[in-house]
Protein backbone atom coordinates (compact mmCIF):
# COMPACT_ATOMS: atom_id res chain seq x y z
CA GLY A 1 7.46 15.99 16.19
CA LEU A 2 8.20 12.62 16.78
CA VAL A 3 11.43 11.88 18.42
CA GLY A 4 12.63 8.59 20.02
CA GLY A 5 9.24 7.60 20.24
CA ARG A 6 7.57 10.30 22.10
CA TRP A 7 5.50 12.90 20.68
CA VAL A 8 7.41 16.40 20.88
CA ASP A 9 6.16 19.85 21.16
CA THR A 10 7.90 22.89 20.35
CA ALA A 11 7.75 26.64 21.57
CA ALA A 12 6.48 27.51 17.91
CA ALA A 13 4.36 26.16 15.43
CA PHE A 14 3.00 26.46 12.29
CA PRO A 15 0.16 26.25 10.13
CA VAL A 16 -1.06 23.54 7.79
CA GLN A 17 -3.65 24.65 5.23
CA ASP A 18 -6.09 22.99 2.84
CA PRO A 19 -5.34 24.15 -0.77
CA ALA A 20 -9.05 24.02 -1.54
CA SER A 21 -10.37 26.45 0.68
CA GLY A 22 -7.15 28.16 2.37
CA GLU A 23 -8.72 27.02 5.39
CA GLU A 24 -6.28 26.09 8.65
CA LEU A 25 -6.29 22.43 9.14
CA GLY A 26 -4.21 22.66 12.13
CA ARG A 27 -0.83 23.45 13.56
CA VAL A 28 2.28 21.27 13.65
CA SER A 29 5.34 21.97 15.90
CA ASP A 30 7.82 23.79 14.17
CA CYS A 31 11.03 21.71 14.69
CA GLY A 32 14.28 23.33 14.38
CA ALA A 33 18.13 22.29 14.36
CA ALA A 34 18.38 21.21 17.87
CA GLU A 35 14.83 18.98 17.43
CA ALA A 36 16.33 17.37 14.52
CA ARG A 37 19.99 16.71 16.49
CA ALA A 38 17.85 15.34 19.08
CA ALA A 39 16.29 12.69 16.46
CA VAL A 40 19.51 12.34 14.97
CA ARG A 41 21.04 11.02 18.29
CA ALA A 42 17.68 8.85 18.99
CA ALA A 43 17.88 7.60 15.79
CA HIS A 44 21.83 6.57 16.45
CA GLU A 45 20.62 5.47 19.97
CA ALA A 46 18.01 3.00 18.41
CA GLY A 47 20.68 1.81 15.44
CA ALA A 48 22.59 -1.04 17.15
CA ALA A 49 19.85 -2.74 18.44
CA TRP A 50 17.60 -2.19 15.27
CA GLY A 51 20.33 -3.60 13.13
CA ARG A 52 20.87 -6.74 15.58
CA LEU A 53 17.28 -7.63 15.31
CA PRO A 54 16.99 -10.85 13.10
CA ALA A 55 15.62 -9.81 9.66
CA LYS A 56 12.62 -11.93 10.09
CA GLU A 57 11.73 -9.74 13.30
CA ARG A 58 11.99 -6.40 11.10
CA SER A 59 10.30 -8.39 8.47
CA ALA A 60 7.14 -8.79 10.83
CA ARG A 61 7.08 -5.54 12.24
CA LEU A 62 7.33 -3.78 8.74
CA ARG A 63 4.22 -6.32 7.91
CA ARG A 64 2.38 -5.15 10.90
CA TRP A 65 2.92 -1.69 9.66
CA TYR A 66 1.33 -2.45 6.26
CA GLU A 67 -1.27 -3.93 8.00
CA LEU A 68 -2.40 -1.10 10.12
CA MET A 69 -1.96 1.25 7.08
CA MET A 70 -4.49 -0.75 5.00
CA GLU A 71 -6.57 -1.19 8.14
CA ASN A 72 -6.89 2.62 8.37
CA LYS A 73 -6.81 3.17 4.59
CA GLU A 74 -9.96 5.74 4.64
CA GLU A 75 -8.26 8.03 7.39
CA LEU A 76 -5.10 8.55 5.78
CA ALA A 77 -6.15 8.75 2.73
CA ARG A 78 -8.55 11.95 3.93
CA ILE A 79 -5.65 13.29 5.67
CA ILE A 80 -3.66 13.30 2.24
CA THR A 81 -6.75 14.98 0.34
CA ALA A 82 -6.91 17.58 3.26
CA GLU A 83 -3.35 18.66 3.01
CA SER A 84 -2.18 18.26 -0.53
CA GLY A 85 -5.70 18.79 -2.13
CA LYS A 86 -5.54 15.36 -4.39
CA PRO A 87 -8.88 13.66 -5.04
CA LEU A 88 -9.74 11.37 -2.87
CA LYS A 89 -9.60 8.72 -5.23
CA GLU A 90 -6.17 9.36 -6.21
CA ALA A 91 -5.27 9.63 -2.32
CA HIS A 92 -6.93 6.11 -1.93
CA GLY A 93 -4.79 4.99 -4.50
CA GLU A 94 -1.63 6.30 -2.83
CA ILE A 95 -2.04 4.75 0.26
CA THR A 96 -2.36 1.20 -1.30
CA TYR A 97 0.83 2.12 -3.08
CA SER A 98 2.63 3.81 0.05
CA ALA A 99 1.49 0.51 1.84
CA SER A 100 2.74 -1.90 -0.84
CA PHE A 101 6.79 -0.41 -0.12
CA LEU A 102 6.53 -1.85 3.61
CA GLU A 103 4.81 -5.01 2.29
CA TRP A 104 7.26 -5.40 -0.22
CA PHE A 105 10.67 -4.21 1.49
CA ALA A 106 9.29 -6.36 4.64
CA GLU A 107 9.88 -9.35 2.19
CA GLU A 108 13.21 -8.35 0.91
CA ALA A 109 14.39 -7.56 4.38
CA ARG A 110 14.62 -11.51 4.81
CA ARG A 111 16.66 -11.68 1.34
CA ILE A 112 19.72 -9.50 1.99
CA TYR A 113 22.49 -11.90 0.93
CA GLY A 114 26.16 -11.72 1.19
CA ASP A 115 28.38 -13.71 -1.11
CA VAL A 116 31.30 -16.25 -0.70
CA ILE A 117 34.05 -15.48 -3.38
CA PRO A 118 36.81 -17.86 -4.06
CA ALA A 119 39.96 -17.24 -2.90
CA SER A 120 43.32 -16.57 -5.07
CA ALA A 121 45.41 -18.03 -2.27
CA LYS A 122 45.18 -21.40 -0.36
CA GLY A 123 44.48 -21.15 3.59
CA ARG A 124 41.90 -18.20 2.82
CA ARG A 125 38.27 -17.91 2.68
CA VAL A 126 36.69 -14.22 1.17
CA VAL A 127 33.42 -13.59 2.50
CA VAL A 128 31.15 -10.37 1.66
CA LEU A 129 29.03 -8.91 4.05
CA LYS A 130 26.02 -6.73 3.56
CA GLN A 131 25.14 -4.23 6.73
CA PRO A 132 23.31 -0.79 7.33
CA VAL A 133 24.69 2.23 6.67
CA GLY A 134 23.48 3.48 9.65
CA VAL A 135 21.18 6.83 10.15
CA ALA A 136 19.31 7.34 7.15
CA ALA A 137 17.96 11.59 6.87
CA ILE A 138 14.64 11.07 4.97
CA ILE A 139 13.54 14.49 3.27
CA THR A 140 10.35 14.29 1.12
CA PRO A 141 7.91 16.40 -0.78
CA TRP A 142 4.21 17.49 -0.89
CA ASN A 143 3.02 16.09 -3.57
CA PHE A 144 2.92 11.75 -2.41
CA PRO A 145 3.15 12.61 1.18
CA SER A 146 3.13 9.26 2.10
CA ALA A 147 4.37 7.14 -0.75
CA MET A 148 7.56 9.14 -1.11
CA ILE A 149 8.30 8.29 2.37
CA THR A 150 7.52 4.70 2.59
CA ARG A 151 9.57 4.10 -0.43
CA LYS A 152 12.41 5.17 1.43
CA VAL A 153 11.67 4.18 4.94
CA GLY A 154 10.37 0.88 3.89
CA ALA A 155 13.80 -0.12 2.27
CA ALA A 156 16.11 1.73 5.40
CA LEU A 157 14.44 -0.26 7.83
CA ALA A 158 14.41 -3.51 6.14
CA ALA A 159 18.34 -2.92 5.58
CA GLY A 160 18.33 -2.42 9.32
CA CYS A 161 19.16 1.17 9.46
CA THR A 162 16.96 3.94 11.83
CA VAL A 163 15.83 6.95 10.13
CA VAL A 164 14.97 10.60 10.72
CA VAL A 165 12.11 11.95 8.38
CA LYS A 166 11.68 15.85 7.13
CA PRO A 167 8.40 16.05 5.52
CA ALA A 168 7.66 19.09 3.16
CA GLU A 169 6.08 21.82 5.17
CA ASP A 170 2.94 21.80 3.31
CA THR A 171 2.01 18.41 3.92
CA PRO A 172 3.54 16.98 7.27
CA LEU A 173 0.33 15.05 8.61
CA SER A 174 0.68 12.17 6.71
CA ALA A 175 4.52 11.87 8.05
CA LEU A 176 2.86 12.42 11.32
CA ALA A 177 0.13 9.62 10.77
CA LEU A 178 2.64 7.09 9.53
CA GLY A 179 4.36 7.59 13.27
CA GLU A 180 1.40 7.10 15.06
CA LEU A 181 1.05 3.63 13.28
CA ALA A 182 4.73 2.86 13.46
CA ASN A 183 4.67 3.07 17.27
CA GLN A 184 1.40 0.77 16.95
CA ALA A 185 3.35 -1.90 14.81
CA GLY A 186 5.89 -2.03 17.05
CA ILE A 187 8.61 -0.31 15.41
CA PRO A 188 11.08 0.12 18.40
CA ALA A 189 11.72 3.78 19.87
CA GLY A 190 13.77 6.03 17.73
CA VAL A 191 13.84 3.80 14.61
CA TYR A 192 11.30 6.28 13.01
CA ASN A 193 11.52 10.00 13.62
CA VAL A 194 9.76 12.71 12.44
CA VAL A 195 10.93 16.41 12.55
CA PRO A 196 8.35 18.74 10.76
CA CYS A 197 9.10 22.17 10.10
CA SER A 198 7.97 25.54 8.55
CA ARG A 199 9.27 26.74 5.57
CA GLN A 200 11.52 29.25 7.56
CA GLN A 201 13.01 26.46 9.74
CA THR A 202 13.65 24.18 6.79
CA ALA A 203 17.49 25.53 5.99
CA ALA A 204 18.65 25.19 9.36
CA VAL A 205 16.96 21.54 9.76
CA GLY A 206 18.49 20.32 6.16
CA GLU A 207 22.00 21.12 7.37
CA VAL A 208 21.58 19.36 10.42
CA LEU A 209 20.50 16.58 8.77
CA CYS A 210 23.07 16.61 6.17
CA THR A 211 26.14 17.67 7.83
CA ASP A 212 25.73 15.89 11.53
CA PRO A 213 28.54 12.87 11.27
CA LEU A 214 26.04 10.72 13.22
CA VAL A 215 23.59 10.70 9.87
CA SER A 216 25.20 8.58 7.42
CA LYS A 217 23.13 8.38 4.43
CA ILE A 218 20.66 11.17 2.97
CA SER A 219 17.53 9.88 0.62
CA PHE A 220 15.89 13.48 -1.07
CA THR A 221 13.21 13.76 -3.55
CA GLY A 222 12.61 17.42 -4.46
CA SER A 223 13.93 20.04 -6.93
CA THR A 224 17.28 19.80 -8.63
CA ALA A 225 18.14 23.10 -7.25
CA THR A 226 17.63 21.88 -3.59
CA GLY A 227 19.37 18.42 -4.38
CA LYS A 228 22.52 20.42 -5.38
CA ILE A 229 22.34 21.99 -2.34
CA LEU A 230 22.08 19.13 -0.35
CA LEU A 231 25.05 17.40 -1.89
CA LYS A 232 27.20 20.56 -1.19
CA HIS A 233 26.24 19.84 2.51
CA ALA A 234 26.80 16.25 2.74
CA ALA A 235 30.20 16.54 1.11
CA GLY A 236 31.60 17.63 4.19
CA THR A 237 31.26 14.06 5.88
CA VAL A 238 30.99 12.07 2.61
CA LYS A 239 27.72 10.88 3.41
CA ARG A 240 26.02 8.35 0.86
CA VAL A 241 23.42 9.98 -1.05
CA SER A 242 20.22 8.90 -3.12
CA MET A 243 18.14 11.14 -4.60
CA GLU A 244 15.15 11.58 -7.06
CA LEU A 245 14.97 15.19 -8.54
CA GLY A 246 13.28 17.34 -11.10
CA GLY A 247 11.71 15.60 -14.11
CA HIS A 248 11.13 17.14 -17.88
CA ALA A 249 9.57 14.05 -19.27
CA PRO A 250 8.71 13.89 -22.81
CA PHE A 251 5.68 11.92 -24.15
CA ILE A 252 6.26 11.05 -27.86
CA VAL A 253 3.32 9.76 -30.47
CA PHE A 254 4.47 8.01 -33.73
CA ASP A 255 2.76 7.99 -36.69
CA SER A 256 2.45 4.21 -36.07
CA ALA A 257 1.10 4.79 -32.91
CA ASN A 258 -2.84 3.69 -31.73
CA VAL A 259 -3.95 7.53 -31.37
CA ASP A 260 -6.85 6.57 -28.67
CA GLN A 261 -4.35 4.31 -26.41
CA ALA A 262 -1.94 7.29 -26.94
CA VAL A 263 -4.98 10.05 -25.81
CA ALA A 264 -5.66 7.44 -22.85
CA GLY A 265 -1.86 7.45 -21.77
CA ALA A 266 -1.25 11.47 -22.50
CA LEU A 267 -4.26 11.50 -20.30
CA ALA A 268 -3.61 9.86 -17.32
CA SER A 269 0.60 10.84 -17.37
CA LYS A 270 -0.25 14.31 -17.54
CA TYR A 271 -3.42 15.20 -15.26
CA ARG A 272 -2.65 13.02 -12.39
CA ASN A 273 -2.72 15.05 -9.23
CA SER A 274 -3.26 17.92 -11.54
CA GLY A 275 0.13 17.30 -13.52
CA GLN A 276 1.90 17.39 -9.68
CA THR A 277 4.01 14.39 -10.30
CA CYS A 278 7.56 13.78 -10.51
CA VAL A 279 6.97 12.01 -13.74
CA CYS A 280 4.34 13.41 -15.51
CA THR A 281 4.86 14.42 -18.78
CA ASN A 282 6.02 17.70 -19.84
CA ARG A 283 6.19 18.01 -23.35
CA PHE A 284 4.47 16.06 -26.04
CA LEU A 285 6.02 15.30 -29.04
CA VAL A 286 3.64 14.41 -31.58
CA GLN A 287 4.50 13.42 -35.29
CA LYS A 288 3.12 15.37 -38.25
CA GLY A 289 0.89 12.37 -39.94
CA ILE A 290 -1.25 12.38 -36.60
CA HIS A 291 -1.02 15.43 -34.83
CA ASP A 292 -4.12 16.92 -36.19
CA GLU A 293 -6.12 13.87 -34.97
CA PHE A 294 -4.40 13.29 -31.77
CA VAL A 295 -4.76 17.05 -30.50
CA GLU A 296 -8.29 17.04 -31.61
CA LYS A 297 -8.89 13.61 -29.50
CA PHE A 298 -6.69 14.83 -26.88
CA ALA A 299 -9.04 18.27 -26.14
CA LYS A 300 -11.89 16.00 -26.35
CA ALA A 301 -10.72 13.80 -23.77
CA ILE A 302 -9.84 16.48 -21.39
CA ASP A 303 -13.12 18.39 -21.54
CA LYS A 304 -15.02 15.07 -21.28
CA GLU A 305 -12.89 12.88 -18.52
CA LEU A 306 -11.77 15.63 -16.34
CA HIS A 307 -13.64 17.33 -13.57
CA VAL A 308 -11.96 20.26 -11.62
CA GLY A 309 -13.09 20.36 -7.83
CA ASN A 310 -12.42 20.13 -4.66
CA GLY A 311 -10.78 16.92 -3.53
CA PHE A 312 -13.40 15.44 -1.63
CA ASP A 313 -15.80 15.80 -4.25
CA ALA A 314 -16.58 12.02 -5.70
CA LYS A 315 -16.71 13.60 -9.57
CA THR A 316 -13.34 15.55 -9.01
CA THR A 317 -10.56 14.15 -11.11
CA GLN A 318 -8.57 17.33 -10.77
CA GLY A 319 -8.04 19.15 -7.65
CA PRO A 320 -6.21 22.16 -6.67
CA LEU A 321 -2.60 22.76 -7.08
CA ILE A 322 -0.91 23.04 -3.75
CA ASN A 323 -0.41 26.89 -3.22
CA GLU A 324 -0.63 30.06 -5.59
CA ARG A 325 3.09 30.13 -6.68
CA ALA A 326 2.33 26.67 -8.38
CA VAL A 327 -0.59 28.46 -10.09
CA GLU A 328 1.47 31.44 -11.24
CA LYS A 329 4.24 29.23 -13.04
CA VAL A 330 1.67 27.68 -14.99
CA GLU A 331 0.01 30.82 -16.28
CA LYS A 332 3.82 32.15 -16.55
CA HIS A 333 4.30 29.44 -18.92
CA ILE A 334 1.06 29.87 -20.98
CA LYS A 335 1.42 33.74 -21.11
CA ASP A 336 5.01 33.13 -22.82
CA ALA A 337 3.79 30.30 -24.95
CA VAL A 338 1.22 32.22 -26.38
CA SER A 339 3.13 35.64 -26.82
CA GLN A 340 5.62 33.12 -29.26
CA GLY A 341 2.89 32.21 -31.12
CA ALA A 342 1.07 28.74 -29.57
CA SER A 343 -2.50 28.36 -29.39
CA VAL A 344 -4.77 27.56 -26.48
CA VAL A 345 -6.88 24.56 -27.68
CA THR A 346 -8.85 24.11 -24.45
CA GLY A 347 -8.36 25.54 -20.64
CA GLY A 348 -5.80 28.19 -20.06
CA LYS A 349 -7.02 30.20 -17.37
CA ARG A 350 -7.35 30.16 -13.74
CA HIS A 351 -10.85 27.83 -12.46
CA SER A 352 -13.70 29.93 -10.62
CA LEU A 353 -13.56 27.39 -7.75
CA GLY A 354 -10.60 29.41 -6.02
CA LYS A 355 -7.10 30.67 -6.37
CA ASN A 356 -5.50 27.43 -6.41
CA PHE A 357 -8.04 25.77 -9.32
CA PHE A 358 -6.56 26.01 -12.82
CA GLU A 359 -8.07 24.55 -15.96
CA PRO A 360 -6.33 21.54 -17.47
CA THR A 361 -4.94 23.28 -20.27
CA LEU A 362 -3.80 21.96 -23.84
CA LEU A 363 -1.59 24.26 -26.25
CA ALA A 364 -0.79 23.50 -30.08
CA ASN A 365 1.96 25.02 -32.30
CA VAL A 366 4.47 25.07 -29.40
CA THR A 367 8.01 25.33 -30.11
CA THR A 368 11.34 24.18 -28.38
CA LYS A 369 12.10 27.99 -27.36
CA MET A 370 8.96 28.18 -24.98
CA LEU A 371 9.55 28.50 -21.23
CA CYS A 372 6.89 25.43 -21.01
CA THR A 373 9.27 22.82 -23.00
CA GLN A 374 12.43 23.76 -21.47
CA GLU A 375 11.46 24.28 -17.93
CA GLU A 376 9.21 21.52 -15.55
CA THR A 377 5.63 23.23 -15.36
CA PHE A 378 4.46 20.89 -12.33
CA GLY A 379 0.59 21.61 -13.29
CA PRO A 380 -2.28 21.04 -15.57
CA LEU A 381 -0.46 21.76 -18.85
CA ALA A 382 0.31 19.85 -22.07
CA PRO A 383 2.06 21.69 -24.69
CA VAL A 384 2.11 19.87 -28.00
CA ILE A 385 5.23 20.02 -30.42
CA ARG A 386 5.04 18.74 -33.85
CA PHE A 387 7.79 16.88 -35.32
CA GLU A 388 8.72 14.90 -38.78
CA THR A 389 11.06 12.40 -37.96
CA GLU A 390 11.99 9.75 -35.29
CA ALA A 391 15.57 11.24 -34.85
CA GLU A 392 14.37 14.98 -34.35
CA ALA A 393 11.75 13.74 -31.38
CA VAL A 394 14.40 11.77 -29.92
CA ALA A 395 16.81 14.70 -30.16
CA ILE A 396 14.48 17.18 -28.85
CA ALA A 397 13.56 14.71 -26.05
CA ASN A 398 17.05 14.15 -25.23
CA ALA A 399 17.93 18.21 -25.19
CA ALA A 400 17.27 18.32 -21.57
CA ASN A 401 20.02 18.40 -18.75
CA VAL A 402 17.53 16.05 -16.50
CA GLY A 403 16.00 12.22 -17.42
CA LEU A 404 13.75 10.92 -14.74
CA ALA A 405 10.88 9.33 -16.95
CA GLY A 406 9.93 9.10 -20.97
CA TYR A 407 6.86 7.80 -22.71
CA PHE A 408 6.09 6.84 -26.35
CA TYR A 409 3.47 5.39 -28.57
CA SER A 410 4.44 3.22 -31.15
CA GLN A 411 3.36 -0.09 -32.97
CA ASP A 412 6.61 -0.86 -34.82
CA PRO A 413 8.68 -3.24 -33.01
CA ALA A 414 12.08 -2.00 -34.42
CA GLN A 415 10.91 1.49 -33.76
CA ILE A 416 10.49 0.27 -29.89
CA TRP A 417 13.56 -1.01 -29.48
CA ARG A 418 15.55 1.92 -30.95
CA VAL A 419 13.90 4.51 -28.99
CA ALA A 420 13.65 2.73 -25.92
CA GLU A 421 17.41 2.31 -25.59
CA GLU A 422 17.83 5.78 -27.16
CA LEU A 423 16.02 8.02 -24.66
CA GLU A 424 18.05 9.50 -21.76
CA VAL A 425 16.00 8.53 -19.01
CA GLY A 426 15.82 6.19 -16.12
CA MET A 427 12.31 4.97 -16.77
CA VAL A 428 10.51 4.31 -19.92
CA GLY A 429 7.23 4.03 -20.65
CA VAL A 430 6.19 1.98 -24.18
CA ASN A 431 2.43 2.30 -24.76
CA GLU A 432 2.07 2.85 -21.04
CA GLY A 433 1.32 6.25 -19.33
CA ILE A 434 1.71 4.98 -15.56
CA ILE A 435 4.70 3.46 -14.72
CA SER A 436 5.09 3.27 -11.12
CA SER A 437 5.51 -0.09 -9.60
CA VAL A 438 6.67 -1.01 -6.06
CA GLU A 439 8.57 -4.19 -8.12
CA CYS A 440 10.44 -1.51 -10.63
CA PRO A 441 13.07 0.58 -10.06
CA PHE A 442 12.39 4.49 -9.79
CA GLY A 443 14.98 6.82 -10.59
CA GLY A 444 16.71 9.17 -13.17
CA ILE A 445 19.80 9.92 -14.93
CA LYS A 446 21.92 13.10 -15.71
CA GLU A 447 20.51 15.73 -13.26
CA SER A 448 17.07 13.76 -12.46
CA GLY A 449 19.47 12.12 -9.58
CA LEU A 450 21.35 9.24 -8.06
CA GLY A 451 20.44 5.90 -7.23
CA ARG A 452 17.03 3.91 -7.32
CA GLU A 453 13.98 3.38 -5.27
CA GLY A 454 11.55 0.37 -4.64
CA SER A 455 12.47 -2.82 -6.26
CA LYS A 456 15.17 -5.23 -5.13
CA TYR A 457 17.78 -2.72 -5.73
CA GLY A 458 15.94 -0.01 -3.44
CA VAL A 459 17.52 -1.69 -0.34
CA ASP A 460 21.50 -1.67 -1.76
CA GLU A 461 21.18 2.18 -1.36
CA TYR A 462 21.16 1.61 2.76
CA LEU A 463 23.69 -1.16 2.63
CA GLU A 464 27.45 -0.90 3.16
CA ILE A 465 29.46 -3.86 1.47
CA LYS A 466 32.23 -5.40 3.94
CA TYR A 467 34.87 -7.57 2.46
CA VAL A 468 36.20 -10.03 4.98
CA CYS A 469 39.68 -12.43 4.21
CA PHE A 470 40.18 -15.38 6.52
CA GLY A 471 43.70 -16.45 6.50
CA GLY A 472 45.47 -19.10 8.31
CA LEU A 473 43.05 -21.68 7.61
């Protein structure tokens, strides 16, 4: 662990495994409640000095952290591939994406503006200040073990906050590598702390981070179920909370769509990181006029473009799933769908490479009663539902209790405006299958979460607004 600028060993350690081979990559300190409380205290003690540091200096150190990430891009990418199984090409992309948040928020640090408001009475001046909320607890998932950290931490540090990061137990190495580079970049001791822990210690560490009165803010990316637990913990001390929770993204293809473009977008949206991204398409809705053509072309593209293998193999586009539980969920969804009349167009079973590998799968004749259209699969499964009218498609898309991302393909300008406004999601891709970008606000509505990350709005999540009235002037 990294606490107060020092590397901390614990009595116990837990293994980090390569999901492709099952081999142990190494062992990491298994931090518990005591280490979490120590990290919170270290962050709190470092907070006053970091918050008072001129924005230009915070900006310079974030910028240097960004530069070090880019200088060490190859090593950081290999860490991601080793601990998550992500193809190396995608891992390189994640490091560039991850570093870009430090670059972006280095620039935003110098643009945190207050306001002067015209007073309603003589002899007064009204000023609005923006100040850091304080210590932020950062709880991140395994599927983007670097970018999910910098997207939060970059904003927090730009605002003048300090952080305690609890990475996912499957992928703690990226968080620790970022800590080493933060030290090299001159980020002061205690500003960036890391408390890795095993699954057994997760509840205890999470409870400390959500209940300690020295923590002012919680930022969490993960499942909706876990998010609700953290919200209950946070309520006791009324902490600021931002959460990016589960998704169930629809991908609608209308009759007017360019089918080839839609297939390319579908391939990118569904199978990136073997279907293990928060904004992956989970339900394909295809209008009856082009349904058969889309399914045929999609199946051919899957067979031609996707290659299952070890993430370090240059040909690989589909690495392993993170663990066997993830594979079992994909199998469960396929079995349920087939039992209700769905047909396997391509794929459908575990790959011969190993227990965590699964074939990219396409299902047709899918209905809204099947599990794969009611739950987020988080794996390489693409179920296709045939629909007749625009209203029907929008109704199916909006039936979910979550709303993170949604996609649709159409060449009808009027339809594009209608559907973009009607989809109940926080982010919409129109004729685009990949929408994440540092400049754009990332987040969802309904049970997909609270708040936004990235963009100019991301810093606001770590700032308090203080109104100051000067009288007697």
